[in-house]
Amino acid sequence: MGGHGLVRASLPLRIADDLASRIALGEWPVGTRLPTEKTLSELYTVGRSTIREAIRTLAARGQVAPRQGAGIYVISTAAQSDVQRLLSRAELADVFEARVALEAEAARLAALRVTPATVGALRAAEQDRAEAHALGPKAFAEADVDLHRSIVAASGNPVILTLFEQFAPALGDAARELATFETGEDSPIGADIDEHADLVDAICRGDAEAAAAASRRLGDHIVRALR
């Protein structure tokens, strides 16, 4: 009986995986509606409750979403990672707090592993960020992310870089809002650019502790504002 229970319990997951594969192959493109519960239950020869559970699994993965009175629609061909799902549901201040810890360690490692190529890349990214101030919030937000991505890449740790990229979707809107503030008339941008210059300088001279401290100061400032 226990064995049958395990098989029964895994059936919605197997159906969810099959539906996900068919979505990935383009059978139901993004923006299209999935077949009805009745149709799917007949297709897989299971009850509607099993189909509902499979659909809930797809929804939790970020691949489908209900539209009031219109059915279930495909919103992504790829499942979100567990980290992405967590970040999308977390408080923004908590997300930034985690990012602070990640980037401070990345800055420390970047300083320990600094090379002439790293120095050139970071100086260029820092300059691009400073110049983007005059180009508006969207350009400034992109340049800011590019600088921080360059720092994380300079850490030489592919796991840290992958985790950093996981933060991008959750922080995209927030980055643009912060950039709107930072590029406005009352902008503290001068001080902000100086703080980023301190961070880049510490990395370029190989001062690991100063780099980590500068990175943490930058992040803590944002977290306090969000709290």
C-alpha atoms as a PDB file:
ATOM      1  CA  MET A   1       0.000   0.000   0.000  1.00  0.00           C
ATOM      2  CA  GLY A   2       2.867   2.336   0.881  1.00  0.00           C
ATOM      3  CA  GLY A   3       4.454   1.747  -2.550  1.00  0.00           C
ATOM      4  CA  HIS A   4       1.200   2.563  -4.374  1.00  0.00           C
ATOM      5  CA  GLY A   5       0.924   5.736  -2.292  1.00  0.00           C
ATOM      6  CA  LEU A   6       4.346   6.876  -3.489  1.00  0.00           C
ATOM      7  CA  VAL A   7       3.437   6.232  -7.115  1.00  0.00           C
ATOM      8  CA  ARG A   8       0.154   8.102  -6.720  1.00  0.00           C
ATOM      9  CA  ALA A   9       1.869  11.021  -4.987  1.00  0.00           C
ATOM     10  CA  SER A  10       4.438  11.363  -7.780  1.00  0.00           C
ATOM     11  CA  LEU A  11       1.882  11.366 -10.615  1.00  0.00           C
ATOM     12  CA  PRO A  12       1.082  15.134 -10.526  1.00  0.00           C
ATOM     13  CA  LEU A  13       4.805  15.877 -10.552  1.00  0.00           C
ATOM     14  CA  ARG A  14       5.365  13.599 -13.558  1.00  0.00           C
ATOM     15  CA  ILE A  15       2.494  15.303 -15.393  1.00  0.00           C
ATOM     16  CA  ALA A  16       3.871  18.740 -14.467  1.00  0.00           C
ATOM     17  CA  ASP A  17       7.278  17.736 -15.857  1.00  0.00           C
ATOM     18  CA  ASP A  18       5.686  16.474 -19.073  1.00  0.00           C
ATOM     19  CA  LEU A  19       3.687  19.673 -19.489  1.00  0.00           C
ATOM     20  CA  ALA A  20       6.863  21.693 -18.848  1.00  0.00           C
ATOM     21  CA  SER A  21       8.675  19.749 -21.567  1.00  0.00           C
ATOM     22  CA  ARG A  22       5.875  20.404 -24.030  1.00  0.00           C
ATOM     23  CA  ILE A  23       5.900  24.108 -23.138  1.00  0.00           C
ATOM     24  CA  ALA A  24       9.670  24.219 -23.682  1.00  0.00           C
ATOM     25  CA  LEU A  25       9.233  22.575 -27.091  1.00  0.00           C
ATOM     26  CA  GLY A  26       6.763  25.268 -28.110  1.00  0.00           C
ATOM     27  CA  GLU A  27       3.528  23.302 -28.046  1.00  0.00           C
ATOM     28  CA  TRP A  28       2.059  26.091 -25.913  1.00  0.00           C
ATOM     29  CA  PRO A  29       4.069  29.313 -26.458  1.00  0.00           C
ATOM     30  CA  VAL A  30       4.249  32.109 -23.903  1.00  0.00           C
ATOM     31  CA  GLY A  31       0.969  34.013 -23.864  1.00  0.00           C
ATOM     32  CA  THR A  32      -1.193  31.081 -24.919  1.00  0.00           C
ATOM     33  CA  ARG A  33      -3.743  29.275 -22.799  1.00  0.00           C
ATOM     34  CA  LEU A  34      -3.251  25.714 -21.616  1.00  0.00           C
ATOM     35  CA  PRO A  35      -5.970  23.190 -22.453  1.00  0.00           C
ATOM     36  CA  THR A  36      -8.791  22.964 -19.927  1.00  0.00           C
ATOM     37  CA  GLU A  37      -8.648  20.704 -16.880  1.00  0.00           C
ATOM     38  CA  LYS A  38     -11.160  18.426 -18.591  1.00  0.00           C
ATOM     39  CA  THR A  39      -9.036  18.152 -21.733  1.00  0.00           C
ATOM     40  CA  LEU A  40      -5.848  17.519 -19.780  1.00  0.00           C
ATOM     41  CA  SER A  41      -7.483  14.961 -17.514  1.00  0.00           C
ATOM     42  CA  GLU A  42      -8.624  13.066 -20.612  1.00  0.00           C
ATOM     43  CA  LEU A  43      -5.195  13.432 -22.222  1.00  0.00           C
ATOM     44  CA  TYR A  44      -3.399  11.960 -19.212  1.00  0.00           C
ATOM     45  CA  THR A  45      -6.308   9.695 -18.146  1.00  0.00           C
ATOM     46  CA  VAL A  46      -6.301  11.047 -14.592  1.00  0.00           C
ATOM     47  CA  GLY A  47      -8.753  12.919 -12.405  1.00  0.00           C
ATOM     48  CA  ARG A  48      -9.075  16.687 -12.458  1.00  0.00           C
ATOM     49  CA  SER A  49      -7.619  16.992  -8.953  1.00  0.00           C
ATOM     50  CA  THR A  50      -4.375  15.455 -10.246  1.00  0.00           C
ATOM     51  CA  ILE A  51      -4.298  17.962 -13.097  1.00  0.00           C
ATOM     52  CA  ARG A  52      -4.955  20.826 -10.673  1.00  0.00           C
ATOM     53  CA  GLU A  53      -2.008  19.718  -8.540  1.00  0.00           C
ATOM     54  CA  ALA A  54       0.236  19.497 -11.615  1.00  0.00           C
ATOM     55  CA  ILE A  55      -0.824  23.003 -12.655  1.00  0.00           C
ATOM     56  CA  ARG A  56      -0.078  24.301  -9.154  1.00  0.00           C
ATOM     57  CA  THR A  57       3.436  22.854  -9.511  1.00  0.00           C
ATOM     58  CA  LEU A  58       3.937  24.687 -12.805  1.00  0.00           C
ATOM     59  CA  ALA A  59       2.613  27.895 -11.253  1.00  0.00           C
ATOM     60  CA  ALA A  60       5.031  27.545  -8.325  1.00  0.00           C
ATOM     61  CA  ARG A  61       7.855  27.182 -10.846  1.00  0.00           C
ATOM     62  CA  GLY A  62       6.822  30.449 -12.483  1.00  0.00           C
ATOM     63  CA  GLN A  63       5.800  28.889 -15.805  1.00  0.00           C
ATOM     64  CA  VAL A  64       2.020  29.385 -15.788  1.00  0.00           C
ATOM     65  CA  ALA A  65      -0.443  31.736 -14.111  1.00  0.00           C
ATOM     66  CA  PRO A  66      -4.248  31.879 -13.894  1.00  0.00           C
ATOM     67  CA  ARG A  67      -6.229  34.706 -15.459  1.00  0.00           C
ATOM     68  CA  GLN A  68      -9.523  35.414 -13.761  1.00  0.00           C
ATOM     69  CA  GLY A  69     -12.261  33.678 -15.706  1.00  0.00           C
ATOM     70  CA  ALA A  70      -9.969  32.985 -18.671  1.00  0.00           C
ATOM     71  CA  GLY A  71      -8.011  29.867 -17.739  1.00  0.00           C
ATOM     72  CA  ILE A  72      -4.351  29.083 -17.201  1.00  0.00           C
ATOM     73  CA  TYR A  73      -1.782  30.877 -19.373  1.00  0.00           C
ATOM     74  CA  VAL A  74       1.866  30.143 -20.115  1.00  0.00           C
ATOM     75  CA  ILE A  75       4.108  32.958 -18.841  1.00  0.00           C
ATOM     76  CA  SER A  76       7.577  31.383 -19.167  1.00  0.00           C
ATOM     77  CA  THR A  77       9.132  28.521 -21.118  1.00  0.00           C
ATOM     78  CA  ALA A  78      11.677  27.900 -18.359  1.00  0.00           C
ATOM     79  CA  ALA A  79      11.161  27.147 -14.711  1.00  0.00           C
ATOM     80  CA  GLN A  80      12.481  29.597 -12.149  1.00  0.00           C
ATOM     81  CA  SER A  81      15.197  28.288  -9.893  1.00  0.00           C
ATOM     82  CA  ASP A  82      14.472  27.864  -6.194  1.00  0.00           C
ATOM     83  CA  VAL A  83      16.620  30.940  -5.561  1.00  0.00           C
ATOM     84  CA  GLN A  84      14.671  33.034  -8.090  1.00  0.00           C
ATOM     85  CA  ARG A  85      11.353  31.984  -6.560  1.00  0.00           C
ATOM     86  CA  LEU A  86      12.616  32.907  -3.096  1.00  0.00           C
ATOM     87  CA  LEU A  87      13.915  36.269  -4.283  1.00  0.00           C
ATOM     88  CA  SER A  88      10.702  37.121  -6.115  1.00  0.00           C
ATOM     89  CA  ARG A  89       8.706  36.636  -2.900  1.00  0.00           C
ATOM     90  CA  ALA A  90      11.130  38.144  -0.388  1.00  0.00           C
ATOM     91  CA  GLU A  91      11.075  41.661   1.014  1.00  0.00           C
ATOM     92  CA  LEU A  92      13.273  43.940  -1.093  1.00  0.00           C
ATOM     93  CA  ALA A  93      15.353  45.014   1.907  1.00  0.00           C
ATOM     94  CA  ASP A  94      16.065  41.342   2.694  1.00  0.00           C
ATOM     95  CA  VAL A  95      17.144  40.759  -0.905  1.00  0.00           C
ATOM     96  CA  PHE A  96      19.511  43.736  -0.785  1.00  0.00           C
ATOM     97  CA  GLU A  97      20.848  42.597   2.590  1.00  0.00           C
ATOM     98  CA  ALA A  98      21.805  39.230   1.087  1.00  0.00           C
ATOM     99  CA  ARG A  99      23.308  40.976  -1.917  1.00  0.00           C
ATOM    100  CA  VAL A 100      25.460  43.112   0.408  1.00  0.00           C
ATOM    101  CA  ALA A 101      26.981  39.993   1.970  1.00  0.00           C
ATOM    102  CA  LEU A 102      27.590  38.423  -1.436  1.00  0.00           C
ATOM    103  CA  GLU A 103      29.169  41.504  -2.997  1.00  0.00           C
ATOM    104  CA  ALA A 104      31.351  42.314   0.008  1.00  0.00           C
ATOM    105  CA  GLU A 105      32.960  38.878  -0.277  1.00  0.00           C
ATOM    106  CA  ALA A 106      33.236  39.283  -4.055  1.00  0.00           C
ATOM    107  CA  ALA A 107      35.028  42.619  -3.574  1.00  0.00           C
ATOM    108  CA  ARG A 108      37.425  41.048  -1.051  1.00  0.00           C
ATOM    109  CA  LEU A 109      38.277  38.207  -3.440  1.00  0.00           C
ATOM    110  CA  ALA A 110      38.594  40.605  -6.384  1.00  0.00           C
ATOM    111  CA  ALA A 111      41.212  42.579  -4.444  1.00  0.00           C
ATOM    112  CA  LEU A 112      43.112  39.415  -3.528  1.00  0.00           C
ATOM    113  CA  ARG A 113      43.121  38.264  -7.165  1.00  0.00           C
ATOM    114  CA  VAL A 114      43.520  41.627  -8.915  1.00  0.00           C
ATOM    115  CA  THR A 115      45.266  41.654 -12.302  1.00  0.00           C
ATOM    116  CA  PRO A 116      46.101  44.438 -14.780  1.00  0.00           C
ATOM    117  CA  ALA A 117      43.147  43.291 -16.898  1.00  0.00           C
ATOM    118  CA  THR A 118      40.848  43.572 -13.864  1.00  0.00           C
ATOM    119  CA  VAL A 119      42.071  47.085 -13.150  1.00  0.00           C
ATOM    120  CA  GLY A 120      41.350  48.153 -16.727  1.00  0.00           C
ATOM    121  CA  ALA A 121      37.877  46.613 -16.760  1.00  0.00           C
ATOM    122  CA  LEU A 122      36.879  48.111 -13.407  1.00  0.00           C
ATOM    123  CA  ARG A 123      38.184  51.577 -14.235  1.00  0.00           C
ATOM    124  CA  ALA A 124      36.242  51.523 -17.521  1.00  0.00           C
ATOM    125  CA  ALA A 125      33.039  50.338 -15.810  1.00  0.00           C
ATOM    126  CA  GLU A 126      33.429  52.969 -13.093  1.00  0.00           C
ATOM    127  CA  GLN A 127      33.851  55.692 -15.746  1.00  0.00           C
ATOM    128  CA  ASP A 128      30.829  54.437 -17.703  1.00  0.00           C
ATOM    129  CA  ARG A 129      28.726  54.593 -14.547  1.00  0.00           C
ATOM    130  CA  ALA A 130      29.798  58.158 -13.782  1.00  0.00           C
ATOM    131  CA  GLU A 131      29.058  59.298 -17.340  1.00  0.00           C
ATOM    132  CA  ALA A 132      25.688  57.508 -17.377  1.00  0.00           C
ATOM    133  CA  HIS A 133      24.435  59.878 -14.671  1.00  0.00           C
ATOM    134  CA  ALA A 134      23.611  62.408 -17.405  1.00  0.00           C
ATOM    135  CA  LEU A 135      21.808  59.848 -19.578  1.00  0.00           C
ATOM    136  CA  GLY A 136      18.805  59.186 -17.328  1.00  0.00           C
ATOM    137  CA  PRO A 137      17.676  56.550 -14.800  1.00  0.00           C
ATOM    138  CA  LYS A 138      17.528  53.563 -17.173  1.00  0.00           C
ATOM    139  CA  ALA A 139      21.047  54.046 -18.523  1.00  0.00           C
ATOM    140  CA  PHE A 140      22.388  54.803 -15.063  1.00  0.00           C
ATOM    141  CA  ALA A 141      20.789  51.676 -13.561  1.00  0.00           C
ATOM    142  CA  GLU A 142      22.293  49.516 -16.315  1.00  0.00           C
ATOM    143  CA  ALA A 143      25.736  51.065 -15.872  1.00  0.00           C
ATOM    144  CA  ASP A 144      25.523  50.572 -12.104  1.00  0.00           C
ATOM    145  CA  VAL A 145      24.670  46.892 -12.491  1.00  0.00           C
ATOM    146  CA  ASP A 146      27.471  46.498 -15.048  1.00  0.00           C
ATOM    147  CA  LEU A 147      30.013  47.905 -12.582  1.00  0.00           C
ATOM    148  CA  HIS A 148      28.871  45.608  -9.801  1.00  0.00           C
ATOM    149  CA  ARG A 149      28.832  42.654 -12.207  1.00  0.00           C
ATOM    150  CA  SER A 150      32.424  43.486 -13.184  1.00  0.00           C
ATOM    151  CA  ILE A 151      33.439  43.464  -9.525  1.00  0.00           C
ATOM    152  CA  VAL A 152      31.743  40.123  -8.929  1.00  0.00           C
ATOM    153  CA  ALA A 153      33.322  38.663 -12.071  1.00  0.00           C
ATOM    154  CA  ALA A 154      36.719  39.874 -10.864  1.00  0.00           C
ATOM    155  CA  SER A 155      36.293  37.699  -7.767  1.00  0.00           C
ATOM    156  CA  GLY A 156      37.109  34.748 -10.001  1.00  0.00           C
ATOM    157  CA  ASN A 157      34.410  32.691  -8.288  1.00  0.00           C
ATOM    158  CA  PRO A 158      31.824  31.338 -10.781  1.00  0.00           C
ATOM    159  CA  VAL A 159      29.403  30.381  -7.992  1.00  0.00           C
ATOM    160  CA  ILE A 160      29.300  33.953  -6.662  1.00  0.00           C
ATOM    161  CA  LEU A 161      28.808  35.270 -10.205  1.00  0.00           C
ATOM    162  CA  THR A 162      25.936  32.840 -10.814  1.00  0.00           C
ATOM    163  CA  LEU A 163      24.277  33.860  -7.549  1.00  0.00           C
ATOM    164  CA  PHE A 164      24.704  37.535  -8.454  1.00  0.00           C
ATOM    165  CA  GLU A 165      22.899  36.949 -11.755  1.00  0.00           C
ATOM    166  CA  GLN A 166      20.046  35.295  -9.846  1.00  0.00           C
ATOM    167  CA  PHE A 167      19.489  38.612  -8.058  1.00  0.00           C
ATOM    168  CA  ALA A 168      19.077  40.573 -11.298  1.00  0.00           C
ATOM    169  CA  PRO A 169      15.343  39.940 -11.979  1.00  0.00           C
ATOM    170  CA  ALA A 170      14.358  40.664  -8.368  1.00  0.00           C
ATOM    171  CA  LEU A 171      16.334  43.885  -8.258  1.00  0.00           C
ATOM    172  CA  GLY A 172      15.639  45.268 -11.731  1.00  0.00           C
ATOM    173  CA  ASP A 173      12.707  47.537 -10.828  1.00  0.00           C
ATOM    174  CA  ALA A 174      14.335  48.617  -7.570  1.00  0.00           C
ATOM    175  CA  ALA A 175      17.546  49.535  -9.371  1.00  0.00           C
ATOM    176  CA  ARG A 176      15.621  51.792 -11.753  1.00  0.00           C
ATOM    177  CA  GLU A 177      13.747  53.445  -8.870  1.00  0.00           C
ATOM    178  CA  LEU A 178      16.984  54.092  -7.004  1.00  0.00           C
ATOM    179  CA  ALA A 179      18.536  55.416 -10.191  1.00  0.00           C
ATOM    180  CA  THR A 180      15.609  57.817 -10.615  1.00  0.00           C
ATOM    181  CA  PHE A 181      16.395  59.211  -7.177  1.00  0.00           C
ATOM    182  CA  GLU A 182      20.162  59.254  -7.762  1.00  0.00           C
ATOM    183  CA  THR A 183      19.868  61.112 -11.071  1.00  0.00           C
ATOM    184  CA  GLY A 184      17.281  63.654  -9.892  1.00  0.00           C
ATOM    185  CA  GLU A 185      17.810  67.278  -8.951  1.00  0.00           C
ATOM    186  CA  ASP A 186      18.367  66.471  -5.279  1.00  0.00           C
ATOM    187  CA  SER A 187      20.690  63.618  -6.143  1.00  0.00           C
ATOM    188  CA  PRO A 188      23.539  62.710  -3.788  1.00  0.00           C
ATOM    189  CA  ILE A 189      25.286  61.380  -6.890  1.00  0.00           C
ATOM    190  CA  GLY A 190      28.587  63.103  -6.218  1.00  0.00           C
ATOM    191  CA  ALA A 191      29.019  61.314  -2.918  1.00  0.00           C
ATOM    192  CA  ASP A 192      27.712  58.112  -4.486  1.00  0.00           C
ATOM    193  CA  ILE A 193      30.313  58.219  -7.252  1.00  0.00           C
ATOM    194  CA  ASP A 194      33.025  58.908  -4.686  1.00  0.00           C
ATOM    195  CA  GLU A 195      31.944  55.824  -2.703  1.00  0.00           C
ATOM    196  CA  HIS A 196      32.100  53.655  -5.821  1.00  0.00           C
ATOM    197  CA  ALA A 197      35.496  55.148  -6.650  1.00  0.00           C
ATOM    198  CA  ASP A 198      36.713  54.184  -3.149  1.00  0.00           C
ATOM    199  CA  LEU A 199      35.515  50.621  -3.758  1.00  0.00           C
ATOM    200  CA  VAL A 200      37.218  50.342  -7.137  1.00  0.00           C
ATOM    201  CA  ASP A 201      40.417  51.956  -5.812  1.00  0.00           C
ATOM    202  CA  ALA A 202      40.611  49.452  -2.947  1.00  0.00           C
ATOM    203  CA  ILE A 203      40.237  46.519  -5.317  1.00  0.00           C
ATOM    204  CA  CYS A 204      42.766  47.915  -7.802  1.00  0.00           C
ATOM    205  CA  ARG A 205      45.416  48.387  -5.114  1.00  0.00           C
ATOM    206  CA  GLY A 206      44.773  44.890  -3.751  1.00  0.00           C
ATOM    207  CA  ASP A 207      43.455  45.976  -0.328  1.00  0.00           C
ATOM    208  CA  ALA A 208      40.996  43.180   0.407  1.00  0.00           C
ATOM    209  CA  GLU A 209      39.706  44.431   3.747  1.00  0.00           C
ATOM    210  CA  ALA A 210      39.183  47.992   2.488  1.00  0.00           C
ATOM    211  CA  ALA A 211      37.381  46.652  -0.591  1.00  0.00           C
ATOM    212  CA  ALA A 212      35.023  44.550   1.507  1.00  0.00           C
ATOM    213  CA  ALA A 213      34.366  47.462   3.873  1.00  0.00           C
ATOM    214  CA  ALA A 214      33.660  49.871   0.991  1.00  0.00           C
ATOM    215  CA  SER A 215      31.295  47.395  -0.630  1.00  0.00           C
ATOM    216  CA  ARG A 216      29.493  46.873   2.666  1.00  0.00           C
ATOM    217  CA  ARG A 217      29.123  50.624   3.244  1.00  0.00           C
ATOM    218  CA  LEU A 218      27.510  51.058  -0.168  1.00  0.00           C
ATOM    219  CA  GLY A 219      25.075  48.198   0.403  1.00  0.00           C
ATOM    220  CA  ASP A 220      24.214  49.144   3.970  1.00  0.00           C
ATOM    221  CA  HIS A 221      23.275  52.642   2.814  1.00  0.00           C
ATOM    222  CA  ILE A 222      20.674  51.167   0.436  1.00  0.00           C
ATOM    223  CA  VAL A 223      19.366  48.679   3.005  1.00  0.00           C
ATOM    224  CA  ARG A 224      18.830  51.458   5.569  1.00  0.00           C
ATOM    225  CA  ALA A 225      16.909  53.465   2.997  1.00  0.00           C
ATOM    226  CA  LEU A 226      14.708  50.475   2.163  1.00  0.00           C
ATOM    227  CA  ARG A 227      14.054  49.629   5.828  1.00  0.00           C
END
